[in-house]
Structure formats: C-alpha cells, structure tokens
C-alpha cells in the first residue's frame, strides 16, 4: 500500500490487518488516515472464496467418521480456512490503491 499523502510504502502486517477492522489504515511516516480502494477483482476474490469455504466445510462436516473426530476435524478445518483466508486477503489488500480519509 502507498500512503496517499506522502507516498510512503506501508506494509499491511498481521497486526495492522486485524487492527483495521473497519478498513481505515494509518501511515507509519505521517500518520495520515487512508482507506483501500477496492476494485472488482477484490469482490470476485470474496465471491469465489465464500462458496469454497462453504462447500469444503460441508464436506468435512459430513465425513463418515466418529462424532468426536468429526468435531475435531471440522474445528481444525475452520482454523485452517481462517488462516488461509486472512493471509491471502492481506496479500491482496497490500496491492490495492489507497484513498485519503477526511
């Protein structure tokens, strides 16, 4: 990401990713508030990832294994999905253009 005020490169770390829940980020150099300008590619990523998460979770939930193992497998799968999604989303958001927040 680039700061719209000073053009400094701002890396979206894991801490900053979870800290900016509402999508408002801060420049490390000049403390300017800015948002990401999300394009159609970002929304396509969301539309593709949701059905994948639902279908794969449905498959895990319907495995023919013991109930205790099924709950563990499903919980682990949800954790893996969360980690994969946040990693990919953060990498995509790092490349998006920014706009200044007033």
PDB file of N, CA and C in Angstrom:
ATOM      1  N   UNK A   1       0.846  -1.166   0.000  1.00  0.00           N
ATOM      2  CA  UNK A   1       0.000   0.000   0.000  1.00  0.00           C
ATOM      3  C   UNK A   1       0.892   1.229   0.000  1.00  0.00           C
ATOM      4  N   UNK A   2       0.384   2.292  -0.585  1.00  0.00           N
ATOM      5  CA  UNK A   2       1.108   3.562  -0.574  1.00  0.00           C
ATOM      6  C   UNK A   2       0.250   4.608   0.117  1.00  0.00           C
ATOM      7  N   UNK A   3       0.885   5.393   0.942  1.00  0.00           N
ATOM      8  CA  UNK A   3       0.195   6.481   1.624  1.00  0.00           C
ATOM      9  C   UNK A   3      -0.203   7.531   0.585  1.00  0.00           C
ATOM     10  N   UNK A   4      -1.474   7.952   0.559  1.00  0.00           N
ATOM     11  CA  UNK A   4      -1.890   8.957  -0.419  1.00  0.00           C
ATOM     12  C   UNK A   4      -1.324  10.349  -0.121  1.00  0.00           C
ATOM     13  N   UNK A   5      -0.809  10.572   1.069  1.00  0.00           N
ATOM     14  CA  UNK A   5      -0.282  11.874   1.450  1.00  0.00           C
ATOM     15  C   UNK A   5       1.207  12.000   1.140  1.00  0.00           C
ATOM     16  N   UNK A   6       2.009  11.048   1.620  1.00  0.00           N
ATOM     17  CA  UNK A   6       3.468  11.160   1.467  1.00  0.00           C
ATOM     18  C   UNK A   6       4.067  10.112   0.529  1.00  0.00           C
ATOM     19  N   UNK A   7       3.259   9.252  -0.049  1.00  0.00           N
ATOM     20  CA  UNK A   7       3.686   8.184  -0.968  1.00  0.00           C
ATOM     21  C   UNK A   7       4.639   7.174  -0.345  1.00  0.00           C
ATOM     22  N   UNK A   8       4.655   7.087   0.956  1.00  0.00           N
ATOM     23  CA  UNK A   8       5.480   6.079   1.626  1.00  0.00           C
ATOM     24  C   UNK A   8       4.821   4.710   1.470  1.00  0.00           C
ATOM     25  N   UNK A   9       5.623   3.688   1.351  1.00  0.00           N
ATOM     26  CA  UNK A   9       5.096   2.333   1.263  1.00  0.00           C
ATOM     27  C   UNK A   9       4.744   1.852   2.663  1.00  0.00           C
ATOM     28  N   UNK A  10       3.510   1.407   2.820  1.00  0.00           N
ATOM     29  CA  UNK A  10       3.024   0.905   4.109  1.00  0.00           C
ATOM     30  C   UNK A  10       2.739  -0.577   3.934  1.00  0.00           C
ATOM     31  N   UNK A  11       3.424  -1.392   4.696  1.00  0.00           N
ATOM     32  CA  UNK A  11       3.215  -2.836   4.630  1.00  0.00           C
ATOM     33  C   UNK A  11       2.093  -3.220   5.587  1.00  0.00           C
ATOM     34  N   UNK A  12       1.125  -3.935   5.084  1.00  0.00           N
ATOM     35  CA  UNK A  12      -0.005  -4.368   5.898  1.00  0.00           C
ATOM     36  C   UNK A  12       0.388  -5.649   6.637  1.00  0.00           C
ATOM     37  N   UNK A  13       0.867  -5.491   7.845  1.00  0.00           N
ATOM     38  CA  UNK A  13       1.276  -6.629   8.657  1.00  0.00           C
ATOM     39  C   UNK A  13       0.042  -7.285   9.266  1.00  0.00           C
ATOM     40  N   UNK A  14       0.245  -8.423   9.902  1.00  0.00           N
ATOM     41  CA  UNK A  14      -0.868  -9.128  10.537  1.00  0.00           C
ATOM     42  C   UNK A  14      -1.500  -8.260  11.625  1.00  0.00           C
ATOM     43  N   UNK A  15      -0.663  -7.598  12.403  1.00  0.00           N
ATOM     44  CA  UNK A  15      -1.171  -6.745  13.480  1.00  0.00           C
ATOM     45  C   UNK A  15      -2.015  -5.601  12.914  1.00  0.00           C
ATOM     46  N   UNK A  16      -1.518  -4.941  11.873  1.00  0.00           N
ATOM     47  CA  UNK A  16      -2.265  -3.845  11.256  1.00  0.00           C
ATOM     48  C   UNK A  16      -3.537  -4.347  10.587  1.00  0.00           C
ATOM     49  N   UNK A  17      -3.478  -5.543  10.017  1.00  0.00           N
ATOM     50  CA  UNK A  17      -4.642  -6.129   9.343  1.00  0.00           C
ATOM     51  C   UNK A  17      -5.795  -6.306  10.329  1.00  0.00           C
ATOM     52  N   UNK A  18      -5.516  -6.884  11.485  1.00  0.00           N
ATOM     53  CA  UNK A  18      -6.576  -7.122  12.455  1.00  0.00           C
ATOM     54  C   UNK A  18      -6.952  -5.857  13.223  1.00  0.00           C
ATOM     55  N   UNK A  19      -6.036  -4.904  13.294  1.00  0.00           N
ATOM     56  CA  UNK A  19      -6.309  -3.654  13.986  1.00  0.00           C
ATOM     57  C   UNK A  19      -7.248  -2.758  13.171  1.00  0.00           C
ATOM     58  N   UNK A  20      -7.195  -2.878  11.864  1.00  0.00           N
ATOM     59  CA  UNK A  20      -8.014  -2.036  10.986  1.00  0.00           C
ATOM     60  C   UNK A  20      -9.269  -2.774  10.551  1.00  0.00           C
ATOM     61  N   UNK A  21     -10.070  -3.156  11.515  1.00  0.00           N
ATOM     62  CA  UNK A  21     -11.281  -3.945  11.249  1.00  0.00           C
ATOM     63  C   UNK A  21     -12.249  -3.210  10.319  1.00  0.00           C
ATOM     64  N   UNK A  22     -12.343  -1.893  10.435  1.00  0.00           N
ATOM     65  CA  UNK A  22     -13.260  -1.110   9.612  1.00  0.00           C
ATOM     66  C   UNK A  22     -12.630  -0.627   8.308  1.00  0.00           C
ATOM     67  N   UNK A  23     -11.381  -1.017   8.051  1.00  0.00           N
ATOM     68  CA  UNK A  23     -10.740  -0.693   6.785  1.00  0.00           C
ATOM     69  C   UNK A  23     -10.003   0.625   6.759  1.00  0.00           C
ATOM     70  N   UNK A  24      -9.821   1.256   7.899  1.00  0.00           N
ATOM     71  CA  UNK A  24      -9.072   2.508   7.955  1.00  0.00           C
ATOM     72  C   UNK A  24      -7.659   2.194   8.439  1.00  0.00           C
ATOM     73  N   UNK A  25      -6.685   2.605   7.646  1.00  0.00           N
ATOM     74  CA  UNK A  25      -5.281   2.333   7.942  1.00  0.00           C
ATOM     75  C   UNK A  25      -4.554   3.641   8.236  1.00  0.00           C
ATOM     76  N   UNK A  26      -3.390   3.563   8.838  1.00  0.00           N
ATOM     77  CA  UNK A  26      -2.582   4.724   9.177  1.00  0.00           C
ATOM     78  C   UNK A  26      -1.202   4.579   8.568  1.00  0.00           C
ATOM     79  N   UNK A  27      -0.672   5.681   8.078  1.00  0.00           N
ATOM     80  CA  UNK A  27       0.688   5.710   7.546  1.00  0.00           C
ATOM     81  C   UNK A  27       1.668   5.755   8.715  1.00  0.00           C
ATOM     82  N   UNK A  28       2.736   4.972   8.624  1.00  0.00           N
ATOM     83  CA  UNK A  28       3.755   4.960   9.674  1.00  0.00           C
ATOM     84  C   UNK A  28       4.571   6.250   9.677  1.00  0.00           C
ATOM     85  N   UNK A  29       4.723   6.881   8.520  1.00  0.00           N
ATOM     86  CA  UNK A  29       5.557   8.077   8.406  1.00  0.00           C
ATOM     87  C   UNK A  29       4.832   9.352   8.847  1.00  0.00           C
ATOM     88  N   UNK A  30       3.641   9.587   8.283  1.00  0.00           N
ATOM     89  CA  UNK A  30       2.976  10.875   8.518  1.00  0.00           C
ATOM     90  C   UNK A  30       1.662  10.744   9.292  1.00  0.00           C
ATOM     91  N   UNK A  31       1.286   9.561   9.693  1.00  0.00           N
ATOM     92  CA  UNK A  31       0.078   9.289  10.476  1.00  0.00           C
ATOM     93  C   UNK A  31      -1.225   9.662   9.766  1.00  0.00           C
ATOM     94  N   UNK A  32      -1.205   9.710   8.443  1.00  0.00           N
ATOM     95  CA  UNK A  32      -2.397  10.002   7.664  1.00  0.00           C
ATOM     96  C   UNK A  32      -3.331   8.799   7.684  1.00  0.00           C
ATOM     97  N   UNK A  33      -4.637   9.061   7.821  1.00  0.00           N
ATOM     98  CA  UNK A  33      -5.631   8.003   7.718  1.00  0.00           C
ATOM     99  C   UNK A  33      -5.962   7.793   6.240  1.00  0.00           C
ATOM    100  N   UNK A  34      -6.056   6.530   5.846  1.00  0.00           N
ATOM    101  CA  UNK A  34      -6.466   6.237   4.472  1.00  0.00           C
ATOM    102  C   UNK A  34      -7.212   4.913   4.414  1.00  0.00           C
ATOM    103  N   UNK A  35      -7.948   4.751   3.326  1.00  0.00           N
ATOM    104  CA  UNK A  35      -8.703   3.527   3.072  1.00  0.00           C
ATOM    105  C   UNK A  35      -8.202   2.908   1.779  1.00  0.00           C
ATOM    106  N   UNK A  36      -8.554   1.673   1.597  1.00  0.00           N
ATOM    107  CA  UNK A  36      -8.203   0.981   0.366  1.00  0.00           C
ATOM    108  C   UNK A  36      -9.309   1.182  -0.660  1.00  0.00           C
ATOM    109  N   UNK A  37      -8.903   1.362  -1.893  1.00  0.00           N
ATOM    110  CA  UNK A  37      -9.855   1.498  -2.981  1.00  0.00           C
ATOM    111  C   UNK A  37     -10.046   0.117  -3.594  1.00  0.00           C
ATOM    112  N   UNK A  38     -11.097  -0.552  -3.184  1.00  0.00           N
ATOM    113  CA  UNK A  38     -11.327  -1.936  -3.628  1.00  0.00           C
ATOM    114  C   UNK A  38     -11.966  -1.954  -5.011  1.00  0.00           C
ATOM    115  N   UNK A  39     -11.383  -2.730  -5.888  1.00  0.00           N
ATOM    116  CA  UNK A  39     -11.862  -2.853  -7.263  1.00  0.00           C
ATOM    117  C   UNK A  39     -12.659  -4.147  -7.401  1.00  0.00           C
ATOM    118  N   UNK A  40     -13.165  -4.394  -8.580  1.00  0.00           N
ATOM    119  CA  UNK A  40     -13.990  -5.569  -8.833  1.00  0.00           C
ATOM    120  C   UNK A  40     -13.237  -6.866  -8.597  1.00  0.00           C
ATOM    121  N   UNK A  41     -11.932  -6.897  -8.805  1.00  0.00           N
ATOM    122  CA  UNK A  41     -11.148  -8.123  -8.586  1.00  0.00           C
ATOM    123  C   UNK A  41     -11.198  -8.559  -7.121  1.00  0.00           C
ATOM    124  N   UNK A  42     -11.217  -7.596  -6.229  1.00  0.00           N
ATOM    125  CA  UNK A  42     -11.293  -7.919  -4.806  1.00  0.00           C
ATOM    126  C   UNK A  42     -12.622  -8.598  -4.484  1.00  0.00           C
ATOM    127  N   UNK A  43     -13.695  -8.089  -5.051  1.00  0.00           N
ATOM    128  CA  UNK A  43     -15.016  -8.661  -4.788  1.00  0.00           C
ATOM    129  C   UNK A  43     -15.188 -10.019  -5.469  1.00  0.00           C
ATOM    130  N   UNK A  44     -14.504 -10.228  -6.590  1.00  0.00           N
ATOM    131  CA  UNK A  44     -14.508 -11.556  -7.219  1.00  0.00           C
ATOM    132  C   UNK A  44     -13.807 -12.550  -6.303  1.00  0.00           C
ATOM    133  N   UNK A  45     -12.707 -12.129  -5.683  1.00  0.00           N
ATOM    134  CA  UNK A  45     -11.990 -12.979  -4.733  1.00  0.00           C
ATOM    135  C   UNK A  45     -12.912 -13.386  -3.594  1.00  0.00           C
ATOM    136  N   UNK A  46     -13.693 -12.453  -3.082  1.00  0.00           N
ATOM    137  CA  UNK A  46     -14.629 -12.748  -1.998  1.00  0.00           C
ATOM    138  C   UNK A  46     -15.702 -13.724  -2.486  1.00  0.00           C
ATOM    139  N   UNK A  47     -16.254 -13.478  -3.665  1.00  0.00           N
ATOM    140  CA  UNK A  47     -17.314 -14.338  -4.199  1.00  0.00           C
ATOM    141  C   UNK A  47     -16.826 -15.751  -4.507  1.00  0.00           C
ATOM    142  N   UNK A  48     -15.560 -15.906  -4.828  1.00  0.00           N
ATOM    143  CA  UNK A  48     -15.002 -17.242  -5.083  1.00  0.00           C
ATOM    144  C   UNK A  48     -14.667 -17.949  -3.772  1.00  0.00           C
ATOM    145  N   UNK A  49     -14.174 -17.213  -2.801  1.00  0.00           N
ATOM    146  CA  UNK A  49     -13.726 -17.845  -1.556  1.00  0.00           C
ATOM    147  C   UNK A  49     -14.883 -18.312  -0.673  1.00  0.00           C
ATOM    148  N   UNK A  50     -15.994 -17.614  -0.686  1.00  0.00           N
ATOM    149  CA  UNK A  50     -17.124 -17.999   0.167  1.00  0.00           C
ATOM    150  C   UNK A  50     -17.701 -19.365  -0.226  1.00  0.00           C
ATOM    151  N   UNK A  51     -18.025 -19.606  -1.505  1.00  0.00           N
ATOM    152  CA  UNK A  51     -18.521 -20.952  -1.853  1.00  0.00           C
ATOM    153  C   UNK A  51     -17.503 -22.055  -1.578  1.00  0.00           C
ATOM    154  N   UNK A  52     -16.212 -21.777  -1.802  1.00  0.00           N
ATOM    155  CA  UNK A  52     -15.191 -22.773  -1.497  1.00  0.00           C
ATOM    156  C   UNK A  52     -15.196 -23.113  -0.011  1.00  0.00           C
ATOM    157  N   UNK A  53     -15.263 -22.099   0.832  1.00  0.00           N
ATOM    158  CA  UNK A  53     -15.275 -22.331   2.281  1.00  0.00           C
ATOM    159  C   UNK A  53     -16.523 -23.105   2.698  1.00  0.00           C
ATOM    160  N   UNK A  54     -17.655 -22.755   2.138  1.00  0.00           N
ATOM    161  CA  UNK A  54     -18.903 -23.444   2.497  1.00  0.00           C
ATOM    162  C   UNK A  54     -18.904 -24.897   2.035  1.00  0.00           C
ATOM    163  N   UNK A  55     -18.504 -25.129   0.793  1.00  0.00           N
ATOM    164  CA  UNK A  55     -18.515 -26.499   0.266  1.00  0.00           C
ATOM    165  C   UNK A  55     -17.493 -27.389   0.970  1.00  0.00           C
ATOM    166  N   UNK A  56     -16.317 -26.861   1.203  1.00  0.00           N
ATOM    167  CA  UNK A  56     -15.308 -27.671   1.878  1.00  0.00           C
ATOM    168  C   UNK A  56     -15.699 -27.939   3.328  1.00  0.00           C
ATOM    169  N   UNK A  57     -16.315 -26.975   3.980  1.00  0.00           N
ATOM    170  CA  UNK A  57     -16.776 -27.179   5.354  1.00  0.00           C
ATOM    171  C   UNK A  57     -17.916 -28.193   5.395  1.00  0.00           C
ATOM    172  N   UNK A  58     -18.793 -28.136   4.416  1.00  0.00           N
ATOM    173  CA  UNK A  58     -19.886 -29.108   4.337  1.00  0.00           C
ATOM    174  C   UNK A  58     -19.320 -30.522   4.153  1.00  0.00           C
ATOM    175  N   UNK A  59     -18.301 -30.656   3.313  1.00  0.00           N
ATOM    176  CA  UNK A  59     -17.673 -31.954   3.090  1.00  0.00           C
ATOM    177  C   UNK A  59     -17.047 -32.483   4.378  1.00  0.00           C
ATOM    178  N   UNK A  60     -16.341 -31.649   5.096  1.00  0.00           N
ATOM    179  CA  UNK A  60     -15.703 -32.050   6.356  1.00  0.00           C
ATOM    180  C   UNK A  60     -16.763 -32.429   7.388  1.00  0.00           C
ATOM    181  N   UNK A  61     -17.854 -31.673   7.446  1.00  0.00           N
ATOM    182  CA  UNK A  61     -18.905 -31.934   8.429  1.00  0.00           C
ATOM    183  C   UNK A  61     -19.625 -33.253   8.150  1.00  0.00           C
ATOM    184  N   UNK A  62     -19.611 -33.720   6.909  1.00  0.00           N
ATOM    185  CA  UNK A  62     -20.324 -34.947   6.551  1.00  0.00           C
ATOM    186  C   UNK A  62     -19.415 -36.156   6.353  1.00  0.00           C
ATOM    187  N   UNK A  63     -18.206 -36.082   6.851  1.00  0.00           N
ATOM    188  CA  UNK A  63     -17.317 -37.237   6.767  1.00  0.00           C
ATOM    189  C   UNK A  63     -17.885 -38.394   7.584  1.00  0.00           C
ATOM    190  N   UNK A  64     -17.643 -39.591   7.119  1.00  0.00           N
ATOM    191  CA  UNK A  64     -18.127 -40.789   7.808  1.00  0.00           C
ATOM    192  C   UNK A  64     -17.101 -41.242   8.840  1.00  0.00           C
ATOM    193  N   UNK A  65     -16.958 -40.472   9.885  1.00  0.00           N
ATOM    194  CA  UNK A  65     -16.049 -40.821  10.975  1.00  0.00           C
ATOM    195  C   UNK A  65     -16.790 -40.628  12.290  1.00  0.00           C
ATOM    196  N   UNK A  66     -16.141 -41.018  13.366  1.00  0.00           N
ATOM    197  CA  UNK A  66     -16.777 -40.897  14.673  1.00  0.00           C
ATOM    198  C   UNK A  66     -17.085 -39.438  14.984  1.00  0.00           C
ATOM    199  N   UNK A  67     -18.108 -39.238  15.799  1.00  0.00           N
ATOM    200  CA  UNK A  67     -18.588 -37.889  16.107  1.00  0.00           C
ATOM    201  C   UNK A  67     -17.506 -37.014  16.757  1.00  0.00           C
ATOM    202  N   UNK A  68     -16.748 -37.573  17.704  1.00  0.00           N
ATOM    203  CA  UNK A  68     -15.693 -36.788  18.349  1.00  0.00           C
ATOM    204  C   UNK A  68     -14.616 -36.375  17.355  1.00  0.00           C
ATOM    205  N   UNK A  69     -14.231 -37.283  16.484  1.00  0.00           N
ATOM    206  CA  UNK A  69     -13.225 -36.975  15.473  1.00  0.00           C
ATOM    207  C   UNK A  69     -13.754 -35.973  14.457  1.00  0.00           C
ATOM    208  N   UNK A  70     -15.038 -36.067  14.140  1.00  0.00           N
ATOM    209  CA  UNK A  70     -15.651 -35.149  13.187  1.00  0.00           C
ATOM    210  C   UNK A  70     -15.612 -33.714  13.724  1.00  0.00           C
ATOM    211  N   UNK A  71     -15.935 -33.562  15.001  1.00  0.00           N
ATOM    212  CA  UNK A  71     -15.909 -32.220  15.600  1.00  0.00           C
ATOM    213  C   UNK A  71     -14.496 -31.642  15.594  1.00  0.00           C
ATOM    214  N   UNK A  72     -13.518 -32.471  15.900  1.00  0.00           N
ATOM    215  CA  UNK A  72     -12.134 -32.021  15.891  1.00  0.00           C
ATOM    216  C   UNK A  72     -11.692 -31.668  14.473  1.00  0.00           C
ATOM    217  N   UNK A  73     -12.011 -32.523  13.521  1.00  0.00           N
ATOM    218  CA  UNK A  73     -11.627 -32.269  12.124  1.00  0.00           C
ATOM    219  C   UNK A  73     -12.281 -30.994  11.615  1.00  0.00           C
ATOM    220  N   UNK A  74     -13.540 -30.782  11.944  1.00  0.00           N
ATOM    221  CA  UNK A  74     -14.249 -29.586  11.497  1.00  0.00           C
ATOM    222  C   UNK A  74     -13.653 -28.328  12.138  1.00  0.00           C
ATOM    223  N   UNK A  75     -13.336 -28.396  13.410  1.00  0.00           N
ATOM    224  CA  UNK A  75     -12.741 -27.242  14.099  1.00  0.00           C
ATOM    225  C   UNK A  75     -11.369 -26.906  13.518  1.00  0.00           C
ATOM    226  N   UNK A  76     -10.556 -27.927  13.274  1.00  0.00           N
ATOM    227  CA  UNK A  76      -9.242 -27.697  12.678  1.00  0.00           C
ATOM    228  C   UNK A  76      -9.361 -27.129  11.270  1.00  0.00           C
ATOM    229  N   UNK A  77     -10.334 -27.629  10.513  1.00  0.00           N
ATOM    230  CA  UNK A  77     -10.538 -27.121   9.159  1.00  0.00           C
ATOM    231  C   UNK A  77     -10.943 -25.643   9.179  1.00  0.00           C
ATOM    232  N   UNK A  78     -11.794 -25.252  10.117  1.00  0.00           N
ATOM    233  CA  UNK A  78     -12.191 -23.846  10.219  1.00  0.00           C
ATOM    234  C   UNK A  78     -10.993 -22.966  10.566  1.00  0.00           C
ATOM    235  N   UNK A  79     -10.106 -23.450  11.412  1.00  0.00           N
ATOM    236  CA  UNK A  79      -8.901 -22.696  11.756  1.00  0.00           C
ATOM    237  C   UNK A  79      -7.997 -22.555  10.535  1.00  0.00           C
ATOM    238  N   UNK A  80      -7.824 -23.643   9.787  1.00  0.00           N
ATOM    239  CA  UNK A  80      -7.005 -23.606   8.574  1.00  0.00           C
ATOM    240  C   UNK A  80      -7.607 -22.637   7.557  1.00  0.00           C
ATOM    241  N   UNK A  81      -8.918 -22.689   7.363  1.00  0.00           N
ATOM    242  CA  UNK A  81      -9.583 -21.769   6.438  1.00  0.00           C
ATOM    243  C   UNK A  81      -9.366 -20.317   6.857  1.00  0.00           C
ATOM    244  N   UNK A  82      -9.499 -20.051   8.138  1.00  0.00           N
ATOM    245  CA  UNK A  82      -9.305 -18.696   8.650  1.00  0.00           C
ATOM    246  C   UNK A  82      -7.892 -18.204   8.370  1.00  0.00           C
ATOM    247  N   UNK A  83      -6.905 -19.041   8.631  1.00  0.00           N
ATOM    248  CA  UNK A  83      -5.513 -18.652   8.410  1.00  0.00           C
ATOM    249  C   UNK A  83      -5.220 -18.416   6.927  1.00  0.00           C
ATOM    250  N   UNK A  84      -5.725 -19.302   6.077  1.00  0.00           N
ATOM    251  CA  UNK A  84      -5.517 -19.151   4.634  1.00  0.00           C
ATOM    252  C   UNK A  84      -6.200 -17.881   4.130  1.00  0.00           C
ATOM    253  N   UNK A  85      -7.442 -17.665   4.555  1.00  0.00           N
ATOM    254  CA  UNK A  85      -8.192 -16.503   4.080  1.00  0.00           C
ATOM    255  C   UNK A  85      -7.526 -15.202   4.516  1.00  0.00           C
ATOM    256  N   UNK A  86      -7.134 -15.098   5.769  1.00  0.00           N
ATOM    257  CA  UNK A  86      -6.532 -13.852   6.236  1.00  0.00           C
ATOM    258  C   UNK A  86      -5.185 -13.602   5.561  1.00  0.00           C
ATOM    259  N   UNK A  87      -4.415 -14.650   5.311  1.00  0.00           N
ATOM    260  CA  UNK A  87      -3.137 -14.488   4.624  1.00  0.00           C
ATOM    261  C   UNK A  87      -3.352 -13.971   3.203  1.00  0.00           C
ATOM    262  N   UNK A  88      -4.241 -14.611   2.459  1.00  0.00           N
ATOM    263  CA  UNK A  88      -4.481 -14.218   1.069  1.00  0.00           C
ATOM    264  C   UNK A  88      -5.120 -12.835   0.985  1.00  0.00           C
ATOM    265  N   UNK A  89      -6.055 -12.548   1.875  1.00  0.00           N
ATOM    266  CA  UNK A  89      -6.718 -11.252   1.870  1.00  0.00           C
ATOM    267  C   UNK A  89      -5.723 -10.139   2.177  1.00  0.00           C
ATOM    268  N   UNK A  90      -4.840 -10.365   3.113  1.00  0.00           N
ATOM    269  CA  UNK A  90      -3.824  -9.372   3.457  1.00  0.00           C
ATOM    270  C   UNK A  90      -2.883  -9.125   2.286  1.00  0.00           C
ATOM    271  N   UNK A  91      -2.483 -10.180   1.587  1.00  0.00           N
ATOM    272  CA  UNK A  91      -1.604 -10.035   0.430  1.00  0.00           C
ATOM    273  C   UNK A  91      -2.294  -9.263  -0.695  1.00  0.00           C
ATOM    274  N   UNK A  92      -3.575  -9.529  -0.912  1.00  0.00           N
ATOM    275  CA  UNK A  92      -4.329  -8.809  -1.941  1.00  0.00           C
ATOM    276  C   UNK A  92      -4.484  -7.344  -1.554  1.00  0.00           C
ATOM    277  N   UNK A  93      -4.813  -7.082  -0.295  1.00  0.00           N
ATOM    278  CA  UNK A  93      -5.010  -5.704   0.151  1.00  0.00           C
ATOM    279  C   UNK A  93      -3.719  -4.896   0.109  1.00  0.00           C
ATOM    280  N   UNK A  94      -2.572  -5.537   0.250  1.00  0.00           N
ATOM    281  CA  UNK A  94      -1.288  -4.834   0.156  1.00  0.00           C
ATOM    282  C   UNK A  94      -1.081  -4.209  -1.219  1.00  0.00           C
ATOM    283  N   UNK A  95      -1.714  -4.762  -2.245  1.00  0.00           N
ATOM    284  CA  UNK A  95      -1.524  -4.292  -3.620  1.00  0.00           C
ATOM    285  C   UNK A  95      -2.593  -3.307  -4.073  1.00  0.00           C
ATOM    286  N   UNK A  96      -3.603  -3.048  -3.253  1.00  0.00           N
ATOM    287  CA  UNK A  96      -4.691  -2.163  -3.661  1.00  0.00           C
ATOM    288  C   UNK A  96      -4.289  -0.693  -3.556  1.00  0.00           C
ATOM    289  N   UNK A  97      -4.852   0.143  -4.450  1.00  0.00           N
ATOM    290  CA  UNK A  97      -4.603   1.584  -4.326  1.00  0.00           C
ATOM    291  C   UNK A  97      -5.324   2.155  -3.112  1.00  0.00           C
ATOM    292  N   UNK A  98      -4.876   3.324  -2.666  1.00  0.00           N
ATOM    293  CA  UNK A  98      -5.429   3.913  -1.445  1.00  0.00           C
ATOM    294  C   UNK A  98      -6.058   5.273  -1.728  1.00  0.00           C
ATOM    295  N   UNK A  99      -6.973   5.661  -0.836  1.00  0.00           N
ATOM    296  CA  UNK A  99      -7.575   6.997  -0.887  1.00  0.00           C
ATOM    297  C   UNK A  99      -7.547   7.595   0.511  1.00  0.00           C
ATOM    298  N   UNK A 100      -7.361   8.891   0.576  1.00  0.00           N
ATOM    299  CA  UNK A 100      -7.249   9.586   1.851  1.00  0.00           C
ATOM    300  C   UNK A 100      -8.614   9.698   2.520  1.00  0.00           C
ATOM    301  N   UNK A 101      -8.652   9.504   3.844  1.00  0.00           N
ATOM    302  CA  UNK A 101      -9.877   9.654   4.625  1.00  0.00           C
ATOM    303  C   UNK A 101      -9.863  11.043   5.224  1.00  0.00           C
ATOM    304  N   UNK A 102     -10.985  11.734   5.114  1.00  0.00           N
ATOM    305  CA  UNK A 102     -11.066  13.105   5.665  1.00  0.00           C
ATOM    306  C   UNK A 102     -11.577  13.112   7.069  1.00  0.00           C
TER     307      UNK A 102
END
